[in-house]
Amino acid sequence: MDRARTDQDLKRGKDAGLWDSIKETVKVGVQALLIAVVVRTLLFQPFNIPSGSLIPTLLIGDYLFVSKYSLGYSKYSLPLSEYLPFEAKGRIWGASPKQGDIVVFKLPKDNATDYIKRVIGLPGDRIQVIEGVLNINGRPVKRERIADYSTTDAFGQPTLVPQYRETLPSGVTHEIIERDGDRGLWDNTQVYTVPPNHFFMMGDNRDNSTDSRDLGNVGYVPYENLIGRAEVIFFSIDEGAAAWQIWNWPWTVRWNRLFKPIH
């Protein structure tokens, strides 16, 4: 009997130890999940680049962190915001983006699709493109022709296209490309006057970017729709390569783009 009780006690002890181990694992997992949700909701959110509208600054296959705290918080800062039952009304701890910042925002057309573009026009600014040259408040923005950029044309064929170094009135300097020269669809536009609490966004790939120049599909972006400012590329892989195929990383990862600040 004594031996039987001892065996039962050992079994109960093992069961209790196993249950304690499971509870501790679940506790750690829940804590990690909560930390991840807080970080993603309040601090940094990862995004990947699926299109070439910001070439040469951002490439298809770039993965980046967007800082949410830099612009404050609105309804669209929350996960699955398109399903929330309340309307967006302003921001808390809000800060306006600067001209030249690259920001992620919810497309005004559906308030659900994530878009990423460069802030070109602030509230009250007048924006126009004339023969490919960006004009802000009636003045042409300085652009300097630099070495041609290697990319693909509208049919996916390799080609060299004109590249410029553009300097915005804010002093931000960045590169743009003109795939169709200065004769693209949006290289001659009307004058756009940015409404209060809205921003005018453009891609750096000027002839291959659906942005605020297209009023029917993007247009002016409300302040409430801003999610955050793009800060750094934390991972980058060749276009068409699968990020999960880690055995191909030595050849497909763009190592020179890792941890590159975004300007």
C-alpha atoms as a PDB file:
ATOM      1  CA  MET A   1       0.000   0.000   0.000  1.00  0.00           C
ATOM      2  CA  ASP A   2       2.805   2.367   0.873  1.00  0.00           C
ATOM      3  CA  ARG A   3       4.459   1.660  -2.486  1.00  0.00           C
ATOM      4  CA  ALA A   4       1.164   2.207  -4.322  1.00  0.00           C
ATOM      5  CA  ARG A   5       0.650   5.539  -2.614  1.00  0.00           C
ATOM      6  CA  THR A   6       4.177   6.572  -3.469  1.00  0.00           C
ATOM      7  CA  ASP A   7       3.687   5.756  -7.163  1.00  0.00           C
ATOM      8  CA  GLN A   8       0.399   7.638  -7.223  1.00  0.00           C
ATOM      9  CA  ASP A   9       2.022  10.632  -5.532  1.00  0.00           C
ATOM     10  CA  LEU A  10       4.813  10.629  -8.116  1.00  0.00           C
ATOM     11  CA  LYS A  11       2.286  10.460 -10.927  1.00  0.00           C
ATOM     12  CA  ARG A  12       0.275  13.305  -9.453  1.00  0.00           C
ATOM     13  CA  GLY A  13       3.474  15.282  -9.036  1.00  0.00           C
ATOM     14  CA  LYS A  14       4.449  14.732 -12.651  1.00  0.00           C
ATOM     15  CA  ASP A  15       0.957  15.675 -13.835  1.00  0.00           C
ATOM     16  CA  ALA A  16       1.031  18.834 -11.737  1.00  0.00           C
ATOM     17  CA  GLY A  17       4.472  19.714 -13.063  1.00  0.00           C
ATOM     18  CA  LEU A  18       3.319  19.194 -16.651  1.00  0.00           C
ATOM     19  CA  TRP A  19       0.205  21.305 -16.072  1.00  0.00           C
ATOM     20  CA  ASP A  20       2.283  24.081 -14.489  1.00  0.00           C
ATOM     21  CA  SER A  21       4.631  23.979 -17.489  1.00  0.00           C
ATOM     22  CA  ILE A  22       1.685  24.258 -19.895  1.00  0.00           C
ATOM     23  CA  LYS A  23       0.197  27.162 -17.939  1.00  0.00           C
ATOM     24  CA  GLU A  24       3.548  28.967 -17.908  1.00  0.00           C
ATOM     25  CA  THR A  25       3.963  28.454 -21.667  1.00  0.00           C
ATOM     26  CA  VAL A  26       0.441  29.789 -22.329  1.00  0.00           C
ATOM     27  CA  LYS A  27       1.109  32.751 -20.027  1.00  0.00           C
ATOM     28  CA  VAL A  28       4.332  33.648 -21.827  1.00  0.00           C
ATOM     29  CA  GLY A  29       2.597  33.246 -25.204  1.00  0.00           C
ATOM     30  CA  VAL A  30      -0.282  35.529 -24.186  1.00  0.00           C
ATOM     31  CA  GLN A  31       2.134  38.127 -22.840  1.00  0.00           C
ATOM     32  CA  ALA A  32       4.160  38.037 -26.062  1.00  0.00           C
ATOM     33  CA  LEU A  33       0.974  38.393 -28.108  1.00  0.00           C
ATOM     34  CA  LEU A  34      -0.185  41.375 -26.054  1.00  0.00           C
ATOM     35  CA  ILE A  35       3.209  43.049 -26.408  1.00  0.00           C
ATOM     36  CA  ALA A  36       3.131  42.469 -30.182  1.00  0.00           C
ATOM     37  CA  VAL A  37      -0.394  43.948 -30.427  1.00  0.00           C
ATOM     38  CA  VAL A  38       0.626  47.015 -28.407  1.00  0.00           C
ATOM     39  CA  VAL A  39       3.790  47.554 -30.466  1.00  0.00           C
ATOM     40  CA  ARG A  40       1.907  47.111 -33.759  1.00  0.00           C
ATOM     41  CA  THR A  41      -0.983  49.332 -32.708  1.00  0.00           C
ATOM     42  CA  LEU A  42       0.885  52.129 -30.963  1.00  0.00           C
ATOM     43  CA  LEU A  43       4.520  52.125 -32.082  1.00  0.00           C
ATOM     44  CA  PHE A  44       5.624  50.369 -35.276  1.00  0.00           C
ATOM     45  CA  GLN A  45       3.759  48.460 -37.966  1.00  0.00           C
ATOM     46  CA  PRO A  46       5.480  46.427 -40.696  1.00  0.00           C
ATOM     47  CA  PHE A  47       4.498  46.883 -44.333  1.00  0.00           C
ATOM     48  CA  ASN A  48       5.786  45.446 -47.585  1.00  0.00           C
ATOM     49  CA  ILE A  49       5.964  47.149 -50.969  1.00  0.00           C
ATOM     50  CA  PRO A  50       3.901  45.341 -53.638  1.00  0.00           C
ATOM     51  CA  SER A  51       4.169  47.912 -56.447  1.00  0.00           C
ATOM     52  CA  GLY A  52       6.758  50.135 -58.091  1.00  0.00           C
ATOM     53  CA  SER A  53       5.144  53.537 -57.562  1.00  0.00           C
ATOM     54  CA  LEU A  54       7.959  54.761 -55.289  1.00  0.00           C
ATOM     55  CA  ILE A  55      10.892  53.515 -57.370  1.00  0.00           C
ATOM     56  CA  PRO A  56      13.757  54.372 -56.986  1.00  0.00           C
ATOM     57  CA  THR A  57      13.253  55.141 -53.266  1.00  0.00           C
ATOM     58  CA  LEU A  58      11.337  51.957 -52.454  1.00  0.00           C
ATOM     59  CA  LEU A  59      11.444  48.764 -54.505  1.00  0.00           C
ATOM     60  CA  ILE A  60       9.010  45.905 -54.902  1.00  0.00           C
ATOM     61  CA  GLY A  61      10.010  43.398 -52.219  1.00  0.00           C
ATOM     62  CA  ASP A  62      11.068  45.966 -49.616  1.00  0.00           C
ATOM     63  CA  TYR A  63       9.759  45.406 -46.080  1.00  0.00           C
ATOM     64  CA  LEU A  64       9.668  48.444 -43.841  1.00  0.00           C
ATOM     65  CA  PHE A  65       8.664  49.712 -40.437  1.00  0.00           C
ATOM     66  CA  VAL A  66       6.180  52.577 -40.183  1.00  0.00           C
ATOM     67  CA  SER A  67       6.127  54.653 -37.007  1.00  0.00           C
ATOM     68  CA  LYS A  68       2.583  55.319 -35.826  1.00  0.00           C
ATOM     69  CA  TYR A  69       3.483  57.527 -32.874  1.00  0.00           C
ATOM     70  CA  SER A  70       5.140  60.057 -35.227  1.00  0.00           C
ATOM     71  CA  LEU A  71       1.762  61.252 -36.545  1.00  0.00           C
ATOM     72  CA  GLY A  72      -0.526  60.437 -33.630  1.00  0.00           C
ATOM     73  CA  TYR A  73      -3.520  58.127 -33.732  1.00  0.00           C
ATOM     74  CA  SER A  74      -6.895  57.977 -35.431  1.00  0.00           C
ATOM     75  CA  LYS A  75      -9.451  55.244 -36.061  1.00  0.00           C
ATOM     76  CA  TYR A  76      -7.233  53.983 -38.876  1.00  0.00           C
ATOM     77  CA  SER A  77      -4.360  53.349 -36.487  1.00  0.00           C
ATOM     78  CA  LEU A  78      -6.268  50.345 -35.148  1.00  0.00           C
ATOM     79  CA  PRO A  79      -6.093  46.870 -36.698  1.00  0.00           C
ATOM     80  CA  LEU A  80      -9.055  45.992 -38.962  1.00  0.00           C
ATOM     81  CA  SER A  81     -10.203  49.617 -38.750  1.00  0.00           C
ATOM     82  CA  GLU A  82     -12.525  49.210 -41.741  1.00  0.00           C
ATOM     83  CA  TYR A  83     -14.745  46.955 -39.630  1.00  0.00           C
ATOM     84  CA  LEU A  84     -15.028  49.272 -36.631  1.00  0.00           C
ATOM     85  CA  PRO A  85     -18.530  50.691 -36.129  1.00  0.00           C
ATOM     86  CA  PHE A  86     -17.561  54.311 -35.414  1.00  0.00           C
ATOM     87  CA  GLU A  87     -16.483  57.096 -37.731  1.00  0.00           C
ATOM     88  CA  ALA A  88     -13.020  58.682 -37.828  1.00  0.00           C
ATOM     89  CA  LYS A  89     -13.042  62.011 -36.048  1.00  0.00           C
ATOM     90  CA  GLY A  90      -9.648  63.670 -35.783  1.00  0.00           C
ATOM     91  CA  ARG A  91      -6.500  62.350 -34.133  1.00  0.00           C
ATOM     92  CA  ILE A  92      -5.091  62.162 -30.656  1.00  0.00           C
ATOM     93  CA  TRP A  93      -1.511  63.300 -29.976  1.00  0.00           C
ATOM     94  CA  GLY A  94      -1.574  64.307 -33.639  1.00  0.00           C
ATOM     95  CA  ALA A  95       1.378  65.691 -35.533  1.00  0.00           C
ATOM     96  CA  SER A  96       1.294  66.727 -39.177  1.00  0.00           C
ATOM     97  CA  PRO A  97       3.634  65.079 -41.669  1.00  0.00           C
ATOM     98  CA  LYS A  98       6.301  67.229 -43.243  1.00  0.00           C
ATOM     99  CA  GLN A  99       6.605  67.870 -46.941  1.00  0.00           C
ATOM    100  CA  GLY A 100       8.780  65.086 -48.314  1.00  0.00           C
ATOM    101  CA  ASP A 101       7.818  62.457 -45.738  1.00  0.00           C
ATOM    102  CA  ILE A 102       6.814  59.040 -47.058  1.00  0.00           C
ATOM    103  CA  VAL A 103       3.638  57.959 -45.295  1.00  0.00           C
ATOM    104  CA  VAL A 104       1.219  55.049 -45.261  1.00  0.00           C
ATOM    105  CA  PHE A 105      -2.470  55.947 -45.367  1.00  0.00           C
ATOM    106  CA  LYS A 106      -5.875  54.437 -45.972  1.00  0.00           C
ATOM    107  CA  LEU A 107      -7.104  55.092 -49.504  1.00  0.00           C
ATOM    108  CA  PRO A 108      -9.903  57.692 -49.219  1.00  0.00           C
ATOM    109  CA  LYS A 109     -11.912  55.867 -51.883  1.00  0.00           C
ATOM    110  CA  ASP A 110     -12.635  52.890 -49.594  1.00  0.00           C
ATOM    111  CA  ASN A 111     -10.950  53.756 -46.263  1.00  0.00           C
ATOM    112  CA  ALA A 112      -9.561  50.207 -46.243  1.00  0.00           C
ATOM    113  CA  THR A 113      -6.719  49.810 -48.759  1.00  0.00           C
ATOM    114  CA  ASP A 114      -3.220  50.684 -47.497  1.00  0.00           C
ATOM    115  CA  TYR A 115      -1.330  53.084 -49.774  1.00  0.00           C
ATOM    116  CA  ILE A 116       2.163  54.516 -49.434  1.00  0.00           C
ATOM    117  CA  LYS A 117       3.266  57.756 -51.124  1.00  0.00           C
ATOM    118  CA  ARG A 118       5.362  60.872 -50.560  1.00  0.00           C
ATOM    119  CA  VAL A 119       3.777  63.989 -49.072  1.00  0.00           C
ATOM    120  CA  ILE A 120       4.073  66.726 -51.700  1.00  0.00           C
ATOM    121  CA  GLY A 121       1.365  69.225 -50.814  1.00  0.00           C
ATOM    122  CA  LEU A 122       0.294  70.508 -47.390  1.00  0.00           C
ATOM    123  CA  PRO A 123      -3.099  72.081 -46.625  1.00  0.00           C
ATOM    124  CA  GLY A 124      -3.539  75.239 -48.708  1.00  0.00           C
ATOM    125  CA  ASP A 125      -0.740  74.424 -51.181  1.00  0.00           C
ATOM    126  CA  ARG A 126      -1.337  74.706 -54.923  1.00  0.00           C
ATOM    127  CA  ILE A 127       0.135  71.772 -56.856  1.00  0.00           C
ATOM    128  CA  GLN A 128       0.564  71.439 -60.617  1.00  0.00           C
ATOM    129  CA  VAL A 129       2.752  69.415 -62.983  1.00  0.00           C
ATOM    130  CA  ILE A 130       3.838  71.201 -66.178  1.00  0.00           C
ATOM    131  CA  GLU A 131       5.763  69.186 -68.778  1.00  0.00           C
ATOM    132  CA  GLY A 132       6.929  66.800 -66.083  1.00  0.00           C
ATOM    133  CA  VAL A 133       8.116  69.522 -63.696  1.00  0.00           C
ATOM    134  CA  LEU A 134       6.426  69.698 -60.306  1.00  0.00           C
ATOM    135  CA  ASN A 135       5.206  73.184 -59.399  1.00  0.00           C
ATOM    136  CA  ILE A 136       4.263  74.151 -55.842  1.00  0.00           C
ATOM    137  CA  ASN A 137       2.506  77.443 -55.174  1.00  0.00           C
ATOM    138  CA  GLY A 138       3.334  78.694 -58.654  1.00  0.00           C
ATOM    139  CA  ARG A 139       7.055  77.928 -58.501  1.00  0.00           C
ATOM    140  CA  PRO A 140       8.829  75.064 -60.304  1.00  0.00           C
ATOM    141  CA  VAL A 141      10.549  72.621 -58.000  1.00  0.00           C
ATOM    142  CA  LYS A 142      14.270  72.254 -58.617  1.00  0.00           C
ATOM    143  CA  ARG A 143      15.236  69.027 -60.364  1.00  0.00           C
ATOM    144  CA  GLU A 144      18.661  67.951 -61.578  1.00  0.00           C
ATOM    145  CA  ARG A 145      19.197  65.274 -64.232  1.00  0.00           C
ATOM    146  CA  ILE A 146      21.397  62.427 -62.977  1.00  0.00           C
ATOM    147  CA  ALA A 147      22.354  59.001 -64.334  1.00  0.00           C
ATOM    148  CA  ASP A 148      19.572  57.070 -66.067  1.00  0.00           C
ATOM    149  CA  TYR A 149      17.803  54.452 -63.970  1.00  0.00           C
ATOM    150  CA  SER A 150      17.505  50.808 -64.995  1.00  0.00           C
ATOM    151  CA  THR A 151      13.935  49.538 -64.681  1.00  0.00           C
ATOM    152  CA  THR A 152      11.202  47.968 -66.828  1.00  0.00           C
ATOM    153  CA  ASP A 153       8.821  49.590 -69.275  1.00  0.00           C
ATOM    154  CA  ALA A 154       5.032  49.258 -69.426  1.00  0.00           C
ATOM    155  CA  PHE A 155       5.472  45.834 -71.057  1.00  0.00           C
ATOM    156  CA  GLY A 156       7.896  44.526 -68.430  1.00  0.00           C
ATOM    157  CA  GLN A 157      10.965  44.840 -70.657  1.00  0.00           C
ATOM    158  CA  PRO A 158      14.290  46.157 -69.270  1.00  0.00           C
ATOM    159  CA  THR A 159      14.933  49.788 -70.116  1.00  0.00           C
ATOM    160  CA  LEU A 160      16.842  52.889 -69.017  1.00  0.00           C
ATOM    161  CA  VAL A 161      14.714  55.885 -68.017  1.00  0.00           C
ATOM    162  CA  PRO A 162      15.482  59.508 -67.097  1.00  0.00           C
ATOM    163  CA  GLN A 163      16.253  60.036 -63.413  1.00  0.00           C
ATOM    164  CA  TYR A 164      16.277  63.339 -61.535  1.00  0.00           C
ATOM    165  CA  ARG A 165      17.281  64.599 -58.112  1.00  0.00           C
ATOM    166  CA  GLU A 166      14.348  66.703 -56.929  1.00  0.00           C
ATOM    167  CA  THR A 167      14.548  69.237 -54.082  1.00  0.00           C
ATOM    168  CA  LEU A 168      11.268  70.228 -52.458  1.00  0.00           C
ATOM    169  CA  PRO A 169      10.707  73.680 -50.892  1.00  0.00           C
ATOM    170  CA  SER A 170      11.080  72.013 -47.471  1.00  0.00           C
ATOM    171  CA  GLY A 171      14.674  71.142 -48.393  1.00  0.00           C
ATOM    172  CA  VAL A 172      14.034  67.394 -48.731  1.00  0.00           C
ATOM    173  CA  THR A 173      16.019  65.959 -51.651  1.00  0.00           C
ATOM    174  CA  HIS A 174      15.083  62.653 -53.254  1.00  0.00           C
ATOM    175  CA  GLU A 175      15.276  60.870 -56.600  1.00  0.00           C
ATOM    176  CA  ILE A 176      12.439  60.492 -59.087  1.00  0.00           C
ATOM    177  CA  ILE A 177      12.178  58.721 -62.435  1.00  0.00           C
ATOM    178  CA  GLU A 178      10.187  59.597 -65.552  1.00  0.00           C
ATOM    179  CA  ARG A 179       9.472  56.319 -67.330  1.00  0.00           C
ATOM    180  CA  ASP A 180       7.653  58.103 -70.163  1.00  0.00           C
ATOM    181  CA  GLY A 181       9.889  61.159 -70.203  1.00  0.00           C
ATOM    182  CA  ASP A 182       7.950  64.387 -69.691  1.00  0.00           C
ATOM    183  CA  ARG A 183       5.044  63.243 -71.836  1.00  0.00           C
ATOM    184  CA  GLY A 184       3.343  60.838 -69.436  1.00  0.00           C
ATOM    185  CA  LEU A 185      -0.355  60.824 -68.593  1.00  0.00           C
ATOM    186  CA  TRP A 186       0.096  62.964 -65.484  1.00  0.00           C
ATOM    187  CA  ASP A 187       2.966  65.179 -66.699  1.00  0.00           C
ATOM    188  CA  ASN A 188       0.585  68.054 -67.459  1.00  0.00           C
ATOM    189  CA  THR A 189      -2.147  68.607 -64.910  1.00  0.00           C
ATOM    190  CA  GLN A 190      -4.628  71.096 -63.600  1.00  0.00           C
ATOM    191  CA  VAL A 191      -3.868  73.182 -60.527  1.00  0.00           C
ATOM    192  CA  TYR A 192      -4.787  71.274 -57.374  1.00  0.00           C
ATOM    193  CA  THR A 193      -5.544  73.319 -54.260  1.00  0.00           C
ATOM    194  CA  VAL A 194      -5.132  71.140 -51.172  1.00  0.00           C
ATOM    195  CA  PRO A 195      -8.150  71.488 -48.825  1.00  0.00           C
ATOM    196  CA  PRO A 196      -7.790  72.089 -45.082  1.00  0.00           C
ATOM    197  CA  ASN A 197      -6.795  68.966 -43.108  1.00  0.00           C
ATOM    198  CA  HIS A 198      -5.824  67.137 -46.302  1.00  0.00           C
ATOM    199  CA  PHE A 199      -2.547  66.269 -48.016  1.00  0.00           C
ATOM    200  CA  PHE A 200      -1.411  65.803 -51.614  1.00  0.00           C
ATOM    201  CA  MET A 201       0.536  62.597 -52.251  1.00  0.00           C
ATOM    202  CA  MET A 202       2.713  61.539 -55.183  1.00  0.00           C
ATOM    203  CA  GLY A 203       4.931  58.599 -56.070  1.00  0.00           C
ATOM    204  CA  ASP A 204       8.585  58.981 -57.032  1.00  0.00           C
ATOM    205  CA  ASN A 205       7.954  56.857 -60.137  1.00  0.00           C
ATOM    206  CA  ARG A 206       6.027  59.729 -61.646  1.00  0.00           C
ATOM    207  CA  ASP A 207       4.694  57.960 -64.744  1.00  0.00           C
ATOM    208  CA  ASN A 208       3.739  54.782 -62.905  1.00  0.00           C
ATOM    209  CA  SER A 209       1.956  56.018 -59.805  1.00  0.00           C
ATOM    210  CA  THR A 210      -1.744  56.317 -59.052  1.00  0.00           C
ATOM    211  CA  ASP A 211      -1.726  59.183 -56.575  1.00  0.00           C
ATOM    212  CA  SER A 212      -3.407  62.460 -55.667  1.00  0.00           C
ATOM    213  CA  ARG A 213      -3.186  63.668 -59.253  1.00  0.00           C
ATOM    214  CA  ASP A 214      -5.931  61.148 -59.983  1.00  0.00           C
ATOM    215  CA  LEU A 215      -8.854  62.700 -58.118  1.00  0.00           C
ATOM    216  CA  GLY A 216     -11.193  59.830 -58.972  1.00  0.00           C
ATOM    217  CA  ASN A 217      -9.029  57.084 -57.474  1.00  0.00           C
ATOM    218  CA  VAL A 218      -6.918  58.769 -54.797  1.00  0.00           C
ATOM    219  CA  GLY A 219      -7.311  62.533 -54.624  1.00  0.00           C
ATOM    220  CA  TYR A 220      -6.642  64.548 -51.487  1.00  0.00           C
ATOM    221  CA  VAL A 221      -5.900  62.436 -48.431  1.00  0.00           C
ATOM    222  CA  PRO A 222      -7.661  63.384 -45.159  1.00  0.00           C
ATOM    223  CA  TYR A 223      -5.501  63.820 -42.087  1.00  0.00           C
ATOM    224  CA  GLU A 224      -7.508  61.109 -40.306  1.00  0.00           C
ATOM    225  CA  ASN A 225      -6.509  58.543 -42.954  1.00  0.00           C
ATOM    226  CA  LEU A 226      -2.789  58.755 -42.194  1.00  0.00           C
ATOM    227  CA  ILE A 227      -1.368  55.659 -40.486  1.00  0.00           C
ATOM    228  CA  GLY A 228       2.283  56.516 -40.005  1.00  0.00           C
ATOM    229  CA  ARG A 229       5.619  57.590 -41.435  1.00  0.00           C
ATOM    230  CA  ALA A 230       7.932  55.139 -43.187  1.00  0.00           C
ATOM    231  CA  GLU A 231      11.182  54.957 -41.219  1.00  0.00           C
ATOM    232  CA  VAL A 232      13.492  52.102 -42.221  1.00  0.00           C
ATOM    233  CA  ILE A 233      13.747  49.092 -44.531  1.00  0.00           C
ATOM    234  CA  PHE A 234      14.272  46.033 -42.308  1.00  0.00           C
ATOM    235  CA  PHE A 235      14.217  43.406 -45.073  1.00  0.00           C
ATOM    236  CA  SER A 236      14.354  43.380 -48.865  1.00  0.00           C
ATOM    237  CA  ILE A 237      14.117  40.587 -51.402  1.00  0.00           C
ATOM    238  CA  ASP A 238      14.230  40.485 -55.189  1.00  0.00           C
ATOM    239  CA  GLU A 239      10.986  41.054 -57.040  1.00  0.00           C
ATOM    240  CA  GLY A 240       9.317  37.709 -57.674  1.00  0.00           C
ATOM    241  CA  ALA A 241      11.314  35.869 -54.995  1.00  0.00           C
ATOM    242  CA  ALA A 242       9.512  34.231 -52.065  1.00  0.00           C
ATOM    243  CA  ALA A 243      10.552  35.601 -48.673  1.00  0.00           C
ATOM    244  CA  TRP A 244       9.804  32.268 -46.963  1.00  0.00           C
ATOM    245  CA  GLN A 245      12.329  30.379 -49.097  1.00  0.00           C
ATOM    246  CA  ILE A 246      15.199  31.059 -46.719  1.00  0.00           C
ATOM    247  CA  TRP A 247      17.506  28.653 -48.558  1.00  0.00           C
ATOM    248  CA  ASN A 248      17.528  31.145 -51.455  1.00  0.00           C
ATOM    249  CA  TRP A 249      18.299  34.185 -49.292  1.00  0.00           C
ATOM    250  CA  PRO A 250      22.020  34.329 -50.069  1.00  0.00           C
ATOM    251  CA  TRP A 251      21.082  35.107 -53.681  1.00  0.00           C
ATOM    252  CA  THR A 252      17.652  36.799 -53.413  1.00  0.00           C
ATOM    253  CA  VAL A 253      18.012  39.100 -50.392  1.00  0.00           C
ATOM    254  CA  ARG A 254      19.130  42.643 -51.231  1.00  0.00           C
ATOM    255  CA  TRP A 255      21.653  42.828 -48.403  1.00  0.00           C
ATOM    256  CA  ASN A 256      22.655  46.414 -49.193  1.00  0.00           C
ATOM    257  CA  ARG A 257      19.100  47.633 -48.479  1.00  0.00           C
ATOM    258  CA  LEU A 258      18.728  46.102 -45.008  1.00  0.00           C
ATOM    259  CA  PHE A 259      18.282  48.693 -42.226  1.00  0.00           C
ATOM    260  CA  LYS A 260      18.395  51.514 -44.748  1.00  0.00           C
ATOM    261  CA  PRO A 261      16.671  54.713 -43.505  1.00  0.00           C
ATOM    262  CA  ILE A 262      13.860  55.988 -45.726  1.00  0.00           C
ATOM    263  CA  HIS A 263      14.077  59.556 -46.980  1.00  0.00           C
END
